[in-house]
Amino acid sequence: MDIDVGFFHLLQLRSALGLEIKGLKHSKGSAYAYIKKEFGYKGNKQKVYDQLNNKINEIKEQKNENCT
């Protein structure tokens, strides 16, 4: 399976935001703030997480369609 760097970055952001939701903080700043700024998502941490997760699932589906 060929995973590009941009997709891997999305997975990292989702993981970091998931940890923030659980109460952990990243030393380089908030993944939540970065994601909201980068993608223009609105809402609380859980809603932003869900939106990012939907984007990741859409990309996965597109990649699977291209493989067939």
PDB file of N, CA and C in Angstrom:
ATOM      1  N   MET A   1       0.841  -1.179   0.000  1.00  0.00           N
ATOM      2  CA  MET A   1       0.000   0.000   0.000  1.00  0.00           C
ATOM      3  C   MET A   1       0.887   1.244   0.000  1.00  0.00           C
ATOM      4  N   ASP A   2       0.606   2.165  -0.892  1.00  0.00           N
ATOM      5  CA  ASP A   2       1.401   3.377  -1.042  1.00  0.00           C
ATOM      6  C   ASP A   2       0.724   4.523  -0.292  1.00  0.00           C
ATOM      7  N   ILE A   3       1.356   4.982   0.776  1.00  0.00           N
ATOM      8  CA  ILE A   3       0.811   6.082   1.561  1.00  0.00           C
ATOM      9  C   ILE A   3       1.696   7.306   1.344  1.00  0.00           C
ATOM     10  N   ASP A   4       1.085   8.414   0.927  1.00  0.00           N
ATOM     11  CA  ASP A   4       1.882   9.616   0.706  1.00  0.00           C
ATOM     12  C   ASP A   4       2.075  10.389   2.005  1.00  0.00           C
ATOM     13  N   VAL A   5       2.980  11.328   1.969  1.00  0.00           N
ATOM     14  CA  VAL A   5       3.366  12.078   3.161  1.00  0.00           C
ATOM     15  C   VAL A   5       2.204  12.916   3.687  1.00  0.00           C
ATOM     16  N   GLY A   6       1.424  13.529   2.804  1.00  0.00           N
ATOM     17  CA  GLY A   6       0.299  14.349   3.228  1.00  0.00           C
ATOM     18  C   GLY A   6      -0.730  13.552   4.012  1.00  0.00           C
ATOM     19  N   PHE A   7      -1.002  12.339   3.548  1.00  0.00           N
ATOM     20  CA  PHE A   7      -1.964  11.479   4.237  1.00  0.00           C
ATOM     21  C   PHE A   7      -1.423  11.077   5.601  1.00  0.00           C
ATOM     22  N   PHE A   8      -0.140  10.760   5.656  1.00  0.00           N
ATOM     23  CA  PHE A   8       0.472  10.395   6.928  1.00  0.00           C
ATOM     24  C   PHE A   8       0.396  11.564   7.913  1.00  0.00           C
ATOM     25  N   HIS A   9       0.572  12.781   7.408  1.00  0.00           N
ATOM     26  CA  HIS A   9       0.467  13.970   8.251  1.00  0.00           C
ATOM     27  C   HIS A   9      -0.937  14.083   8.846  1.00  0.00           C
ATOM     28  N   LEU A  10      -1.963  13.805   8.047  1.00  0.00           N
ATOM     29  CA  LEU A  10      -3.338  13.823   8.557  1.00  0.00           C
ATOM     30  C   LEU A  10      -3.523  12.803   9.680  1.00  0.00           C
ATOM     31  N   LEU A  11      -2.937  11.624   9.503  1.00  0.00           N
ATOM     32  CA  LEU A  11      -3.031  10.591  10.536  1.00  0.00           C
ATOM     33  C   LEU A  11      -2.344  11.044  11.825  1.00  0.00           C
ATOM     34  N   GLN A  12      -1.212  11.721  11.692  1.00  0.00           N
ATOM     35  CA  GLN A  12      -0.507  12.233  12.868  1.00  0.00           C
ATOM     36  C   GLN A  12      -1.344  13.288  13.585  1.00  0.00           C
ATOM     37  N   LEU A  13      -1.955  14.182  12.814  1.00  0.00           N
ATOM     38  CA  LEU A  13      -2.789  15.219  13.411  1.00  0.00           C
ATOM     39  C   LEU A  13      -3.980  14.613  14.142  1.00  0.00           C
ATOM     40  N   ARG A  14      -4.598  13.598  13.535  1.00  0.00           N
ATOM     41  CA  ARG A  14      -5.734  12.940  14.188  1.00  0.00           C
ATOM     42  C   ARG A  14      -5.305  12.311  15.507  1.00  0.00           C
ATOM     43  N   SER A  15      -4.159  11.675  15.499  1.00  0.00           N
ATOM     44  CA  SER A  15      -3.650  11.048  16.719  1.00  0.00           C
ATOM     45  C   SER A  15      -3.359  12.098  17.797  1.00  0.00           C
ATOM     46  N   ALA A  16      -2.721  13.194  17.405  1.00  0.00           N
ATOM     47  CA  ALA A  16      -2.395  14.251  18.361  1.00  0.00           C
ATOM     48  C   ALA A  16      -3.668  14.865  18.940  1.00  0.00           C
ATOM     49  N   LEU A  17      -4.670  15.090  18.092  1.00  0.00           N
ATOM     50  CA  LEU A  17      -5.922  15.662  18.582  1.00  0.00           C
ATOM     51  C   LEU A  17      -6.640  14.683  19.502  1.00  0.00           C
ATOM     52  N   GLY A  18      -6.581  13.407  19.179  1.00  0.00           N
ATOM     53  CA  GLY A  18      -7.177  12.392  20.055  1.00  0.00           C
ATOM     54  C   GLY A  18      -6.560  12.420  21.444  1.00  0.00           C
ATOM     55  N   LEU A  19      -5.256  12.615  21.500  1.00  0.00           N
ATOM     56  CA  LEU A  19      -4.583  12.709  22.799  1.00  0.00           C
ATOM     57  C   LEU A  19      -4.966  13.988  23.532  1.00  0.00           C
ATOM     58  N   GLU A  20      -5.134  15.080  22.775  1.00  0.00           N
ATOM     59  CA  GLU A  20      -5.575  16.329  23.410  1.00  0.00           C
ATOM     60  C   GLU A  20      -6.967  16.178  24.009  1.00  0.00           C
ATOM     61  N   ILE A  21      -7.826  15.463  23.320  1.00  0.00           N
ATOM     62  CA  ILE A  21      -9.181  15.230  23.825  1.00  0.00           C
ATOM     63  C   ILE A  21      -9.118  14.483  25.149  1.00  0.00           C
ATOM     64  N   LYS A  22      -8.145  13.585  25.273  1.00  0.00           N
ATOM     65  CA  LYS A  22      -7.989  12.810  26.505  1.00  0.00           C
ATOM     66  C   LYS A  22      -7.263  13.583  27.601  1.00  0.00           C
ATOM     67  N   GLY A  23      -6.796  14.802  27.283  1.00  0.00           N
ATOM     68  CA  GLY A  23      -6.196  15.644  28.307  1.00  0.00           C
ATOM     69  C   GLY A  23      -4.699  15.859  28.189  1.00  0.00           C
ATOM     70  N   LEU A  24      -4.036  15.209  27.254  1.00  0.00           N
ATOM     71  CA  LEU A  24      -2.593  15.402  27.086  1.00  0.00           C
ATOM     72  C   LEU A  24      -2.325  16.616  26.219  1.00  0.00           C
ATOM     73  N   LYS A  25      -1.189  17.247  26.435  1.00  0.00           N
ATOM     74  CA  LYS A  25      -0.830  18.431  25.669  1.00  0.00           C
ATOM     75  C   LYS A  25       0.474  18.199  24.934  1.00  0.00           C
ATOM     76  N   HIS A  26       0.595  18.808  23.772  1.00  0.00           N
ATOM     77  CA  HIS A  26       1.799  18.702  22.959  1.00  0.00           C
ATOM     78  C   HIS A  26       2.694  19.897  23.255  1.00  0.00           C
ATOM     79  N   SER A  27       3.985  19.678  23.313  1.00  0.00           N
ATOM     80  CA  SER A  27       4.915  20.748  23.662  1.00  0.00           C
ATOM     81  C   SER A  27       5.023  21.813  22.576  1.00  0.00           C
ATOM     82  N   LYS A  28       4.667  21.482  21.352  1.00  0.00           N
ATOM     83  CA  LYS A  28       4.805  22.434  20.245  1.00  0.00           C
ATOM     84  C   LYS A  28       3.520  23.174  19.940  1.00  0.00           C
ATOM     85  N   GLY A  29       2.563  23.113  20.815  1.00  0.00           N
ATOM     86  CA  GLY A  29       1.315  23.827  20.589  1.00  0.00           C
ATOM     87  C   GLY A  29       0.153  22.880  20.398  1.00  0.00           C
ATOM     88  N   SER A  30      -0.985  23.456  20.180  1.00  0.00           N
ATOM     89  CA  SER A  30      -2.215  22.684  20.110  1.00  0.00           C
ATOM     90  C   SER A  30      -2.481  22.153  18.704  1.00  0.00           C
ATOM     91  N   ALA A  31      -2.686  20.866  18.593  1.00  0.00           N
ATOM     92  CA  ALA A  31      -3.086  20.269  17.317  1.00  0.00           C
ATOM     93  C   ALA A  31      -4.471  20.774  16.934  1.00  0.00           C
ATOM     94  N   TYR A  32      -5.308  20.970  17.928  1.00  0.00           N
ATOM     95  CA  TYR A  32      -6.664  21.480  17.722  1.00  0.00           C
ATOM     96  C   TYR A  32      -6.628  22.833  17.016  1.00  0.00           C
ATOM     97  N   ALA A  33      -5.830  23.755  17.530  1.00  0.00           N
ATOM     98  CA  ALA A  33      -5.721  25.085  16.933  1.00  0.00           C
ATOM     99  C   ALA A  33      -5.142  25.004  15.521  1.00  0.00           C
ATOM    100  N   TYR A  34      -4.131  24.168  15.341  1.00  0.00           N
ATOM    101  CA  TYR A  34      -3.505  24.013  14.024  1.00  0.00           C
ATOM    102  C   TYR A  34      -4.507  23.472  13.003  1.00  0.00           C
ATOM    103  N   ILE A  35      -5.258  22.451  13.374  1.00  0.00           N
ATOM    104  CA  ILE A  35      -6.225  21.838  12.466  1.00  0.00           C
ATOM    105  C   ILE A  35      -7.324  22.827  12.103  1.00  0.00           C
ATOM    106  N   LYS A  36      -7.821  23.554  13.094  1.00  0.00           N
ATOM    107  CA  LYS A  36      -8.867  24.549  12.826  1.00  0.00           C
ATOM    108  C   LYS A  36      -8.358  25.608  11.851  1.00  0.00           C
ATOM    109  N   LYS A  37      -7.141  26.070  12.057  1.00  0.00           N
ATOM    110  CA  LYS A  37      -6.574  27.098  11.185  1.00  0.00           C
ATOM    111  C   LYS A  37      -6.300  26.541   9.787  1.00  0.00           C
ATOM    112  N   GLU A  38      -5.712  25.370   9.713  1.00  0.00           N
ATOM    113  CA  GLU A  38      -5.297  24.779   8.438  1.00  0.00           C
ATOM    114  C   GLU A  38      -6.486  24.376   7.560  1.00  0.00           C
ATOM    115  N   PHE A  39      -7.528  23.798   8.172  1.00  0.00           N
ATOM    116  CA  PHE A  39      -8.642  23.257   7.400  1.00  0.00           C
ATOM    117  C   PHE A  39      -9.923  24.078   7.518  1.00  0.00           C
ATOM    118  N   GLY A  40      -9.936  25.056   8.395  1.00  0.00           N
ATOM    119  CA  GLY A  40     -11.112  25.901   8.554  1.00  0.00           C
ATOM    120  C   GLY A  40     -12.278  25.220   9.256  1.00  0.00           C
ATOM    121  N   TYR A  41     -11.988  24.182  10.025  1.00  0.00           N
ATOM    122  CA  TYR A  41     -13.043  23.478  10.746  1.00  0.00           C
ATOM    123  C   TYR A  41     -13.526  24.323  11.920  1.00  0.00           C
ATOM    124  N   LYS A  42     -14.773  24.116  12.274  1.00  0.00           N
ATOM    125  CA  LYS A  42     -15.387  24.841  13.389  1.00  0.00           C
ATOM    126  C   LYS A  42     -15.880  23.837  14.419  1.00  0.00           C
ATOM    127  N   GLY A  43     -15.966  24.276  15.674  1.00  0.00           N
ATOM    128  CA  GLY A  43     -16.531  23.439  16.720  1.00  0.00           C
ATOM    129  C   GLY A  43     -15.530  23.119  17.811  1.00  0.00           C
ATOM    130  N   ASN A  44     -15.992  22.307  18.747  1.00  0.00           N
ATOM    131  CA  ASN A  44     -15.134  21.893  19.850  1.00  0.00           C
ATOM    132  C   ASN A  44     -14.164  20.802  19.386  1.00  0.00           C
ATOM    133  N   LYS A  45     -13.325  20.344  20.284  1.00  0.00           N
ATOM    134  CA  LYS A  45     -12.297  19.374  19.905  1.00  0.00           C
ATOM    135  C   LYS A  45     -12.893  18.104  19.314  1.00  0.00           C
ATOM    136  N   GLN A  46     -13.967  17.606  19.900  1.00  0.00           N
ATOM    137  CA  GLN A  46     -14.577  16.367  19.406  1.00  0.00           C
ATOM    138  C   GLN A  46     -15.150  16.562  18.008  1.00  0.00           C
ATOM    139  N   LYS A  47     -15.807  17.687  17.766  1.00  0.00           N
ATOM    140  CA  LYS A  47     -16.383  17.948  16.440  1.00  0.00           C
ATOM    141  C   LYS A  47     -15.296  18.099  15.382  1.00  0.00           C
ATOM    142  N   VAL A  48     -14.209  18.774  15.731  1.00  0.00           N
ATOM    143  CA  VAL A  48     -13.089  18.929  14.803  1.00  0.00           C
ATOM    144  C   VAL A  48     -12.450  17.569  14.540  1.00  0.00           C
ATOM    145  N   TYR A  49     -12.324  16.752  15.579  1.00  0.00           N
ATOM    146  CA  TYR A  49     -11.790  15.393  15.423  1.00  0.00           C
ATOM    147  C   TYR A  49     -12.659  14.594  14.451  1.00  0.00           C
ATOM    148  N   ASP A  50     -13.969  14.684  14.615  1.00  0.00           N
ATOM    149  CA  ASP A  50     -14.890  13.957  13.737  1.00  0.00           C
ATOM    150  C   ASP A  50     -14.772  14.429  12.298  1.00  0.00           C
ATOM    151  N   GLN A  51     -14.642  15.737  12.095  1.00  0.00           N
ATOM    152  CA  GLN A  51     -14.494  16.273  10.743  1.00  0.00           C
ATOM    153  C   GLN A  51     -13.193  15.788  10.101  1.00  0.00           C
ATOM    154  N   LEU A  52     -12.114  15.789  10.868  1.00  0.00           N
ATOM    155  CA  LEU A  52     -10.831  15.314  10.353  1.00  0.00           C
ATOM    156  C   LEU A  52     -10.897  13.827  10.059  1.00  0.00           C
ATOM    157  N   ASN A  53     -11.550  13.082  10.921  1.00  0.00           N
ATOM    158  CA  ASN A  53     -11.702  11.645  10.718  1.00  0.00           C
ATOM    159  C   ASN A  53     -12.503  11.364   9.437  1.00  0.00           C
ATOM    160  N   ASN A  54     -13.540  12.158   9.191  1.00  0.00           N
ATOM    161  CA  ASN A  54     -14.320  12.008   7.955  1.00  0.00           C
ATOM    162  C   ASN A  54     -13.458  12.273   6.731  1.00  0.00           C
ATOM    163  N   LYS A  55     -12.606  13.286   6.802  1.00  0.00           N
ATOM    164  CA  LYS A  55     -11.712  13.606   5.686  1.00  0.00           C
ATOM    165  C   LYS A  55     -10.760  12.440   5.425  1.00  0.00           C
ATOM    166  N   ILE A  56     -10.217  11.862   6.479  1.00  0.00           N
ATOM    167  CA  ILE A  56      -9.302  10.730   6.343  1.00  0.00           C
ATOM    168  C   ILE A  56     -10.027   9.541   5.715  1.00  0.00           C
ATOM    169  N   ASN A  57     -11.258   9.275   6.164  1.00  0.00           N
ATOM    170  CA  ASN A  57     -12.022   8.163   5.599  1.00  0.00           C
ATOM    171  C   ASN A  57     -12.347   8.384   4.122  1.00  0.00           C
ATOM    172  N   GLU A  58     -12.630   9.633   3.735  1.00  0.00           N
ATOM    173  CA  GLU A  58     -12.885   9.939   2.329  1.00  0.00           C
ATOM    174  C   GLU A  58     -11.648   9.665   1.482  1.00  0.00           C
ATOM    175  N   ILE A  59     -10.488  10.051   1.981  1.00  0.00           N
ATOM    176  CA  ILE A  59      -9.239   9.825   1.254  1.00  0.00           C
ATOM    177  C   ILE A  59      -8.969   8.330   1.128  1.00  0.00           C
ATOM    178  N   LYS A  60      -9.211   7.585   2.205  1.00  0.00           N
ATOM    179  CA  LYS A  60      -9.032   6.129   2.158  1.00  0.00           C
ATOM    180  C   LYS A  60      -9.923   5.502   1.091  1.00  0.00           C
ATOM    181  N   GLU A  61     -11.181   5.945   1.028  1.00  0.00           N
ATOM    182  CA  GLU A  61     -12.119   5.412   0.040  1.00  0.00           C
ATOM    183  C   GLU A  61     -11.650   5.727  -1.370  1.00  0.00           C
ATOM    184  N   GLN A  62     -11.152   6.950  -1.592  1.00  0.00           N
ATOM    185  CA  GLN A  62     -10.654   7.331  -2.905  1.00  0.00           C
ATOM    186  C   GLN A  62      -9.456   6.480  -3.298  1.00  0.00           C
ATOM    187  N   LYS A  63      -8.554   6.245  -2.347  1.00  0.00           N
ATOM    188  CA  LYS A  63      -7.388   5.421  -2.622  1.00  0.00           C
ATOM    189  C   LYS A  63      -7.796   3.992  -2.954  1.00  0.00           C
ATOM    190  N   ASN A  64      -8.805   3.458  -2.238  1.00  0.00           N
ATOM    191  CA  ASN A  64      -9.266   2.104  -2.518  1.00  0.00           C
ATOM    192  C   ASN A  64      -9.923   2.018  -3.882  1.00  0.00           C
ATOM    193  N   GLU A  65     -10.663   3.054  -4.295  1.00  0.00           N
ATOM    194  CA  GLU A  65     -11.291   3.066  -5.611  1.00  0.00           C
ATOM    195  C   GLU A  65     -10.246   3.109  -6.711  1.00  0.00           C
ATOM    196  N   ASN A  66      -9.154   3.831  -6.487  1.00  0.00           N
ATOM    197  CA  ASN A  66      -8.089   3.944  -7.478  1.00  0.00           C
ATOM    198  C   ASN A  66      -7.303   2.665  -7.612  1.00  0.00           C
ATOM    199  N   CYS A  67      -7.303   1.848  -6.584  1.00  0.00           N
ATOM    200  CA  CYS A  67      -6.543   0.589  -6.613  1.00  0.00           C
ATOM    201  C   CYS A  67      -7.264  -0.480  -7.421  1.00  0.00           C
ATOM    202  N   THR A  68      -8.590  -0.353  -7.592  1.00  0.00           N
ATOM    203  CA  THR A  68      -9.343  -1.382  -8.311  1.00  0.00           C
ATOM    204  C   THR A  68      -9.537  -1.046  -9.756  1.00  0.00           C
TER     205      THR A  68
END
